[in-house]
Amino acid sequence: MSASEIAHLRAQILQLESRRADLYTTLLNLRTSHSLLPPSTLPKSATPYNPTPTTTQTPSQIPLETLHRIPGITFFTLSHPQEGLKLGIRFDIFSAQHSIFLEPYWIILQRCTDPETGEEDPDRLELDWTNIPAALKPEEVCSRHLKGDDDEPPKKDPLTPLATELRKTLQTYTARREAVLGLVPVVGEENVTFDDLVNCVEIESADGKFRLWVEGEGEVVRVVARDEAGKRRRDVEKRMVGSVQGLPARMGWDQAGEEGEGEVEMEEV
C-alpha cells in the first residue's frame, strides 16, 4: 500500500470518528414532536414500557424517530408526555436454531438529574428502562459506559460501544440458551435445569446426574458426572465436554427410543 493510500485511509478514519462524535451530540440535543400513542391502541399482551405509572406503552408501540442504524442495532428517540425526550436502543437478535429474528430487546436512556438541584445534565445519560434480563447486568454495563468508573472516565461517544457490547452479550446468551433448551426434547423438560445465565446446567437421566458448566454460545467446558450410586465417572465427563448441540450424539441420548435404549455404559475409573 502506497503512502498516499495510507494517508487517504487515515483521513477517512478521522472523518468517521468526527461523524460519530457529531451523532452522539445530535442524540443528546435533538428534540422531537412525536407523541405517545393512546393506550387503547396497544395489544393487551404487550409488556409495558412503564418507568412511571402514567406510561403503558412498549417501545415498539410508540412512534419512534430513527437516527442511526448499525447491524442488529437501531438508535432512536421517543417522547414521554411527562418526562420529555428519551433516547433508545433496539437490539434485533437472530435465532440460528429457528432461522428467525426474536422479539427485540430495548434500553431507554434519559438525561441524568442532579439529586441536589433537580436539574438535568445535558451531557450525561443513565438507564431508565430495559427488558434485557437482569442476570446480564444491563444497568451495570450502561453505568460503566455512560458514567465511567474510578479508573476510566466515560468515552466521548459511549453509545456505540455500549450498544455493541450489549448486543454481543444478548446474541451469545440467546444462542447458549437455545442450545441448552435443545436438550429438552431428548431428556425431558423436568430433567434439565439451569441458572439465569445458562452457565450452570444440571441434567438427570437414567445414566445418572450431570452438572455442566457452559460458556459462549453453548460450549461445555467442565462436567461433574455421577452414576445412580453417586460415584463420579471421569470417563463420561471427558465425553461430555464439547458443544451442547453434539451432546446427545456423544452420549447416545439421540438414539434412545424404547426404555433402556441409549443409556451410557459407565466404566470404572
Protein backbone atom coordinates (compact mmCIF):
# COMPACT_ATOMS: atom_id res chain seq x y z
CA MET A 1 0.00 0.00 0.00
CA SER A 2 1.41 3.37 -1.03
CA ALA A 3 1.91 6.33 1.29
CA SER A 4 -0.89 8.25 -0.46
CA GLU A 5 -3.34 5.35 0.07
CA ILE A 6 -2.42 5.13 3.76
CA ALA A 7 -2.92 8.89 4.13
CA HIS A 8 -6.31 8.60 2.42
CA LEU A 9 -7.42 5.81 4.78
CA ARG A 10 -6.33 7.82 7.82
CA ALA A 11 -8.33 10.79 6.56
CA GLN A 12 -11.41 8.56 6.16
CA ILE A 13 -10.98 7.21 9.72
CA LEU A 14 -10.77 10.74 11.13
CA GLN A 15 -13.87 11.70 9.16
CA LEU A 16 -15.83 8.71 10.50
CA GLU A 17 -14.74 9.42 14.08
CA SER A 18 -15.84 13.03 13.69
CA ARG A 19 -19.22 11.90 12.29
CA ARG A 20 -19.71 9.51 15.21
CA ALA A 21 -18.99 12.30 17.72
CA ASP A 22 -21.44 14.57 15.89
CA LEU A 23 -24.09 11.84 16.03
CA TYR A 24 -23.73 11.50 19.79
CA THR A 25 -24.08 15.28 20.19
CA THR A 26 -27.18 15.16 18.00
CA LEU A 27 -28.70 12.40 20.13
CA LEU A 28 -28.21 14.44 23.27
CA ASN A 29 -29.64 17.67 21.89
CA LEU A 30 -32.35 16.55 19.47
CA ARG A 31 -35.98 17.47 20.14
CA THR A 32 -38.92 15.61 18.70
CA SER A 33 -42.61 16.43 18.32
CA HIS A 34 -43.67 12.78 18.35
CA SER A 35 -46.23 11.94 20.99
CA LEU A 36 -47.17 8.64 22.58
CA LEU A 37 -49.96 6.52 21.13
CA PRO A 38 -53.09 6.30 23.28
CA PRO A 39 -53.27 3.17 25.47
CA SER A 40 -56.30 1.92 23.54
CA THR A 41 -54.08 1.18 20.52
CA LEU A 42 -51.97 -1.34 22.43
CA PRO A 43 -52.49 -5.11 22.37
CA LYS A 44 -53.50 -6.49 25.77
CA SER A 45 -50.50 -8.83 25.73
CA ALA A 46 -47.97 -6.02 25.40
CA THR A 47 -45.24 -5.93 28.04
CA PRO A 48 -45.43 -2.38 29.37
CA TYR A 49 -42.68 0.14 28.98
CA ASN A 50 -43.52 1.58 32.36
CA PRO A 51 -40.90 3.79 34.01
CA THR A 52 -43.76 5.75 35.57
CA PRO A 53 -47.37 4.79 36.38
CA THR A 54 -48.58 7.11 33.59
CA THR A 55 -46.90 5.16 30.79
CA THR A 56 -48.44 1.98 29.35
CA GLN A 57 -46.65 1.69 26.00
CA THR A 58 -43.95 -0.65 24.80
CA PRO A 59 -41.25 0.99 22.69
CA SER A 60 -42.49 -1.00 19.68
CA GLN A 61 -45.91 0.69 20.00
CA ILE A 62 -44.57 4.26 20.14
CA PRO A 63 -43.80 6.44 17.09
CA LEU A 64 -40.02 6.48 17.01
CA GLU A 65 -37.61 8.76 15.21
CA THR A 66 -34.80 6.56 13.95
CA LEU A 67 -31.47 8.35 13.98
CA HIS A 68 -28.85 5.73 13.21
CA ARG A 69 -28.54 2.03 12.39
CA ILE A 70 -25.71 -0.44 12.56
CA PRO A 71 -26.14 -4.21 12.02
CA GLY A 72 -28.68 -5.50 14.55
CA ILE A 73 -28.86 -2.17 16.42
CA THR A 74 -31.13 0.83 15.96
CA PHE A 75 -30.77 4.16 17.80
CA PHE A 76 -33.92 6.25 18.12
CA THR A 77 -35.64 8.96 20.13
CA LEU A 78 -39.08 8.94 21.69
CA SER A 79 -41.10 11.48 23.62
CA HIS A 80 -42.63 10.96 27.06
CA PRO A 81 -45.51 13.33 27.95
CA GLN A 82 -44.29 13.97 31.49
CA GLU A 83 -40.57 13.21 31.26
CA GLY A 84 -39.67 14.68 27.88
CA LEU A 85 -37.26 13.31 25.30
CA LYS A 86 -35.64 9.94 25.83
CA LEU A 87 -33.09 8.02 23.82
CA GLY A 88 -33.50 4.36 22.97
CA ILE A 89 -31.57 1.46 21.50
CA ARG A 90 -33.25 -1.55 19.93
CA PHE A 91 -31.43 -4.88 19.61
CA ASP A 92 -32.51 -7.38 16.96
CA ILE A 93 -31.34 -10.87 17.88
CA PHE A 94 -31.32 -13.69 15.34
CA SER A 95 -32.20 -17.24 16.30
CA ALA A 96 -29.98 -19.59 14.32
CA GLN A 97 -31.97 -22.56 15.62
CA HIS A 98 -35.30 -21.27 14.28
CA SER A 99 -33.93 -19.01 11.48
CA ILE A 100 -35.97 -16.02 12.65
CA PHE A 101 -35.46 -12.75 14.48
CA LEU A 102 -36.74 -12.93 18.04
CA GLU A 103 -38.74 -10.30 19.92
CA PRO A 104 -36.39 -7.31 20.20
CA TYR A 105 -34.66 -6.14 23.35
CA TRP A 106 -34.68 -2.47 24.27
CA ILE A 107 -32.95 0.02 26.51
CA ILE A 108 -34.33 3.50 27.17
CA LEU A 109 -31.91 6.20 28.32
CA GLN A 110 -32.60 9.55 29.93
CA ARG A 111 -30.50 12.52 30.95
CA CYS A 112 -29.00 12.32 34.42
CA THR A 113 -30.59 14.59 37.05
CA ASP A 114 -28.62 16.30 39.79
CA PRO A 115 -30.10 14.95 43.08
CA GLU A 116 -29.49 18.27 44.82
CA THR A 117 -30.63 20.81 42.22
CA GLY A 118 -33.04 18.62 40.24
CA GLU A 119 -31.55 19.95 37.01
CA GLU A 120 -30.74 17.74 34.04
CA ASP A 121 -27.16 17.28 32.92
CA PRO A 122 -27.27 17.66 29.10
CA ASP A 123 -24.02 15.75 28.67
CA ARG A 124 -24.74 12.63 30.75
CA LEU A 125 -27.16 9.75 30.29
CA GLU A 126 -28.41 6.94 32.52
CA LEU A 127 -30.56 3.84 32.11
CA ASP A 128 -34.28 4.46 32.54
CA TRP A 129 -35.86 1.15 31.45
CA THR A 130 -34.95 -2.12 29.76
CA ASN A 131 -36.36 -5.57 29.08
CA ILE A 132 -32.90 -7.17 28.97
CA PRO A 133 -32.71 -9.96 31.59
CA ALA A 134 -31.35 -8.65 34.89
CA ALA A 135 -28.87 -11.55 35.03
CA LEU A 136 -26.99 -9.95 32.11
CA LYS A 137 -26.49 -6.83 34.27
CA PRO A 138 -27.61 -4.19 31.76
CA GLU A 139 -27.64 -1.48 34.43
CA GLU A 140 -24.01 -2.19 35.31
CA VAL A 141 -22.97 -2.17 31.64
CA CYS A 142 -24.79 1.11 30.99
CA SER A 143 -23.27 2.75 34.06
CA ARG A 144 -19.76 1.68 33.07
CA HIS A 145 -20.07 3.12 29.56
CA LEU A 146 -22.15 6.21 30.33
CA LYS A 147 -20.68 7.31 33.66
CA GLY A 148 -17.23 5.71 33.61
CA ASP A 149 -15.55 4.49 36.78
CA ASP A 150 -12.70 5.41 39.11
CA ASP A 151 -10.08 4.15 36.66
CA GLU A 152 -11.51 5.47 33.40
CA PRO A 153 -13.87 8.39 32.60
CA PRO A 154 -16.74 7.90 30.14
CA LYS A 155 -15.84 7.96 26.46
CA LYS A 156 -16.70 10.92 24.24
CA ASP A 157 -19.12 8.67 22.36
CA PRO A 158 -20.27 5.93 24.76
CA LEU A 159 -23.38 4.83 22.84
CA THR A 160 -21.76 2.78 20.09
CA PRO A 161 -19.50 0.68 22.36
CA LEU A 162 -22.39 0.31 24.85
CA ALA A 163 -24.76 -0.97 22.18
CA THR A 164 -22.13 -3.23 20.61
CA GLU A 165 -21.28 -4.88 23.92
CA LEU A 166 -24.93 -5.43 24.89
CA ARG A 167 -25.86 -6.91 21.52
CA LYS A 168 -22.91 -9.31 21.59
CA THR A 169 -23.92 -10.36 25.11
CA LEU A 170 -27.55 -10.86 24.06
CA GLN A 171 -26.65 -12.84 20.94
CA THR A 172 -24.30 -15.10 22.88
CA TYR A 173 -26.81 -15.58 25.72
CA THR A 174 -29.61 -16.40 23.24
CA ALA A 175 -27.50 -18.98 21.38
CA ARG A 176 -26.40 -20.61 24.65
CA ARG A 177 -29.97 -20.76 26.00
CA GLU A 178 -31.35 -22.21 22.76
CA ALA A 179 -28.60 -24.83 22.70
CA VAL A 180 -29.48 -25.98 26.24
CA LEU A 181 -33.22 -25.90 25.54
CA GLY A 182 -32.49 -28.19 22.60
CA LEU A 183 -31.77 -30.92 25.16
CA VAL A 184 -35.34 -30.83 26.48
CA PRO A 185 -36.91 -33.00 23.73
CA VAL A 186 -34.15 -35.56 24.30
CA VAL A 187 -34.04 -35.94 28.10
CA GLY A 188 -37.34 -34.34 29.12
CA GLU A 189 -38.21 -30.88 30.41
CA GLU A 190 -38.26 -31.99 34.04
CA ASN A 191 -34.72 -33.36 33.72
CA VAL A 192 -32.98 -30.15 32.58
CA THR A 193 -32.46 -27.16 34.86
CA PHE A 194 -30.15 -24.16 34.52
CA ASP A 195 -29.35 -20.85 36.16
CA ASP A 196 -30.38 -17.41 34.87
CA LEU A 197 -27.23 -17.03 32.77
CA VAL A 198 -27.44 -20.60 31.43
CA ASN A 199 -23.86 -21.13 32.60
CA CYS A 200 -24.60 -23.96 35.05
CA VAL A 201 -26.78 -26.77 33.69
CA GLU A 202 -27.96 -29.85 35.58
CA ILE A 203 -29.26 -32.94 33.80
CA GLU A 204 -30.79 -36.10 35.25
CA SER A 205 -31.19 -39.23 33.17
CA ALA A 206 -31.18 -42.99 33.52
CA ASP A 207 -27.39 -42.74 33.29
CA GLY A 208 -27.03 -40.59 36.40
CA LYS A 209 -26.73 -36.91 37.29
CA PHE A 210 -24.60 -34.39 35.43
CA ARG A 211 -23.58 -30.84 36.21
CA LEU A 212 -22.28 -28.90 33.21
CA TRP A 213 -20.53 -25.54 33.02
CA VAL A 214 -21.43 -23.94 29.69
CA GLU A 215 -19.77 -20.89 28.13
CA GLY A 216 -20.04 -18.85 24.93
CA GLU A 217 -22.77 -19.87 22.53
CA GLY A 218 -23.07 -23.35 24.00
CA GLU A 219 -19.72 -24.95 24.74
CA VAL A 220 -19.47 -27.41 27.65
CA VAL A 221 -16.12 -26.64 29.31
CA ARG A 222 -16.40 -28.64 32.54
CA VAL A 223 -18.52 -31.52 33.82
CA VAL A 224 -19.16 -33.41 37.02
CA ALA A 225 -20.86 -36.75 36.28
CA ARG A 226 -22.10 -39.23 38.85
CA ASP A 227 -23.86 -42.54 38.40
CA GLU A 228 -27.00 -43.59 40.27
CA ALA A 229 -24.87 -44.67 43.23
CA GLY A 230 -23.27 -41.22 43.41
CA LYS A 231 -19.89 -42.38 42.16
CA ARG A 232 -18.01 -39.94 39.95
CA ARG A 233 -17.37 -41.02 36.35
CA ARG A 234 -14.47 -39.13 34.79
CA ASP A 235 -14.62 -41.03 31.50
CA VAL A 236 -18.15 -39.71 30.96
CA GLU A 237 -17.07 -36.21 31.96
CA LYS A 238 -14.46 -36.18 29.19
CA ARG A 239 -17.03 -37.39 26.70
CA MET A 240 -19.50 -34.63 27.58
CA VAL A 241 -17.04 -31.76 27.03
CA GLY A 242 -17.73 -30.05 23.71
CA SER A 243 -20.70 -28.40 22.02
CA VAL A 244 -24.09 -28.69 23.71
CA GLN A 245 -25.68 -29.44 20.32
CA GLY A 246 -23.48 -32.52 19.93
CA LEU A 247 -24.04 -33.76 23.48
CA PRO A 248 -26.97 -36.15 22.71
CA ALA A 249 -24.93 -37.85 19.98
CA ARG A 250 -21.83 -38.15 22.18
CA MET A 251 -23.90 -39.66 25.00
CA GLY A 252 -26.15 -41.82 22.82
CA TRP A 253 -29.27 -40.00 24.00
CA ASP A 254 -30.38 -39.22 20.45
CA GLN A 255 -30.77 -42.95 19.83
CA ALA A 256 -32.99 -43.52 22.85
CA GLY A 257 -36.45 -44.66 21.91
CA GLU A 258 -37.67 -47.62 23.87
CA GLU A 259 -36.97 -47.73 27.58
CA GLY A 260 -33.38 -48.66 28.28
CA GLU A 261 -32.03 -47.67 24.85
CA GLY A 262 -29.33 -45.05 24.59
CA GLU A 263 -28.04 -45.47 28.15
CA VAL A 264 -24.38 -44.70 28.66
CA GLU A 265 -22.16 -47.52 29.76
CA MET A 266 -20.32 -46.29 32.85
CA GLU A 267 -16.78 -47.57 33.08
CA GLU A 268 -14.94 -47.88 36.36
CA VAL A 269 -12.23 -45.24 36.82
